[in-house]
């Protein structure tokens, strides 16, 4: 029983402060990926100009016209 208690006490060889650091780095990476695609719709808006000029019943925001 003493051996099991010692094994449970040292279950991880990584210090405890590393887990929040890794999580913060991961979320910072996801934030960078999101930030890098912030203006994709504006860069490609010339490709969709033809669909905006035709009457489709949907405005440029995707809402139906009344």
C-alpha atoms as a PDB file:
ATOM      1  CA  UNK A   1       0.000   0.000   0.000  1.00  0.00           C
ATOM      2  CA  UNK A   2       2.858   2.354   0.715  1.00  0.00           C
ATOM      3  CA  UNK A   3       4.257   1.806  -2.768  1.00  0.00           C
ATOM      4  CA  UNK A   4       0.878   2.628  -4.357  1.00  0.00           C
ATOM      5  CA  UNK A   5       0.564   5.792  -2.288  1.00  0.00           C
ATOM      6  CA  UNK A   6       4.006   6.941  -3.397  1.00  0.00           C
ATOM      7  CA  UNK A   7       3.205   6.183  -7.040  1.00  0.00           C
ATOM      8  CA  UNK A   8      -0.033   8.168  -6.874  1.00  0.00           C
ATOM      9  CA  UNK A   9       1.777  11.088  -5.292  1.00  0.00           C
ATOM     10  CA  UNK A  10       4.247  11.323  -8.203  1.00  0.00           C
ATOM     11  CA  UNK A  11       1.926  10.395 -11.063  1.00  0.00           C
ATOM     12  CA  UNK A  12       3.219  13.102 -13.397  1.00  0.00           C
ATOM     13  CA  UNK A  13       6.811  14.057 -14.020  1.00  0.00           C
ATOM     14  CA  UNK A  14       5.714  17.466 -15.373  1.00  0.00           C
ATOM     15  CA  UNK A  15       5.461  20.386 -12.918  1.00  0.00           C
ATOM     16  CA  UNK A  16       1.912  21.582 -12.315  1.00  0.00           C
ATOM     17  CA  UNK A  17       2.440  25.082 -13.735  1.00  0.00           C
ATOM     18  CA  UNK A  18       3.213  23.646 -17.194  1.00  0.00           C
ATOM     19  CA  UNK A  19      -0.412  22.611 -17.862  1.00  0.00           C
ATOM     20  CA  UNK A  20      -1.839  26.186 -17.770  1.00  0.00           C
ATOM     21  CA  UNK A  21       1.120  27.423 -19.826  1.00  0.00           C
ATOM     22  CA  UNK A  22       0.447  24.825 -22.522  1.00  0.00           C
ATOM     23  CA  UNK A  23      -3.282  25.629 -22.481  1.00  0.00           C
ATOM     24  CA  UNK A  24      -2.587  29.373 -22.784  1.00  0.00           C
ATOM     25  CA  UNK A  25      -0.196  28.757 -25.682  1.00  0.00           C
ATOM     26  CA  UNK A  26      -2.799  26.576 -27.408  1.00  0.00           C
ATOM     27  CA  UNK A  27      -5.534  29.219 -27.066  1.00  0.00           C
ATOM     28  CA  UNK A  28      -3.111  31.919 -28.236  1.00  0.00           C
ATOM     29  CA  UNK A  29      -2.425  29.783 -31.317  1.00  0.00           C
ATOM     30  CA  UNK A  30      -6.161  29.408 -31.969  1.00  0.00           C
ATOM     31  CA  UNK A  31      -6.581  33.165 -31.548  1.00  0.00           C
ATOM     32  CA  UNK A  32      -3.815  33.792 -34.083  1.00  0.00           C
ATOM     33  CA  UNK A  33      -5.455  31.441 -36.591  1.00  0.00           C
ATOM     34  CA  UNK A  34      -8.793  33.199 -36.126  1.00  0.00           C
ATOM     35  CA  UNK A  35      -7.145  36.622 -36.450  1.00  0.00           C
ATOM     36  CA  UNK A  36      -5.338  35.620 -39.639  1.00  0.00           C
ATOM     37  CA  UNK A  37      -8.654  34.869 -41.415  1.00  0.00           C
ATOM     38  CA  UNK A  38     -10.386  38.085 -40.297  1.00  0.00           C
ATOM     39  CA  UNK A  39     -10.784  39.633 -43.754  1.00  0.00           C
ATOM     40  CA  UNK A  40     -11.061  36.669 -46.102  1.00  0.00           C
ATOM     41  CA  UNK A  41     -14.558  37.671 -47.221  1.00  0.00           C
ATOM     42  CA  UNK A  42     -13.378  41.148 -48.184  1.00  0.00           C
ATOM     43  CA  UNK A  43     -10.398  39.827 -50.136  1.00  0.00           C
ATOM     44  CA  UNK A  44     -12.645  37.616 -52.255  1.00  0.00           C
ATOM     45  CA  UNK A  45     -15.655  39.915 -52.563  1.00  0.00           C
ATOM     46  CA  UNK A  46     -14.959  40.619 -56.254  1.00  0.00           C
ATOM     47  CA  UNK A  47     -15.727  36.979 -57.065  1.00  0.00           C
ATOM     48  CA  UNK A  48     -19.211  37.299 -55.618  1.00  0.00           C
ATOM     49  CA  UNK A  49     -20.101  40.710 -57.040  1.00  0.00           C
ATOM     50  CA  UNK A  50     -22.263  39.113 -59.751  1.00  0.00           C
ATOM     51  CA  UNK A  51     -24.456  37.357 -57.224  1.00  0.00           C
ATOM     52  CA  UNK A  52     -25.069  40.597 -55.326  1.00  0.00           C
ATOM     53  CA  UNK A  53     -26.371  42.446 -58.388  1.00  0.00           C
ATOM     54  CA  UNK A  54     -29.013  39.814 -59.233  1.00  0.00           C
ATOM     55  CA  UNK A  55     -32.245  39.749 -57.349  1.00  0.00           C
ATOM     56  CA  UNK A  56     -32.089  36.578 -55.262  1.00  0.00           C
ATOM     57  CA  UNK A  57     -34.378  37.452 -52.371  1.00  0.00           C
ATOM     58  CA  UNK A  58     -31.425  37.475 -49.998  1.00  0.00           C
ATOM     59  CA  UNK A  59     -29.439  40.569 -49.010  1.00  0.00           C
ATOM     60  CA  UNK A  60     -25.655  40.696 -48.661  1.00  0.00           C
ATOM     61  CA  UNK A  61     -25.876  39.538 -45.031  1.00  0.00           C
ATOM     62  CA  UNK A  62     -27.823  36.378 -45.846  1.00  0.00           C
ATOM     63  CA  UNK A  63     -31.177  37.634 -44.585  1.00  0.00           C
ATOM     64  CA  UNK A  64     -34.317  37.197 -46.665  1.00  0.00           C
ATOM     65  CA  UNK A  65     -35.816  40.341 -48.103  1.00  0.00           C
ATOM     66  CA  UNK A  66     -39.377  41.189 -47.234  1.00  0.00           C
END
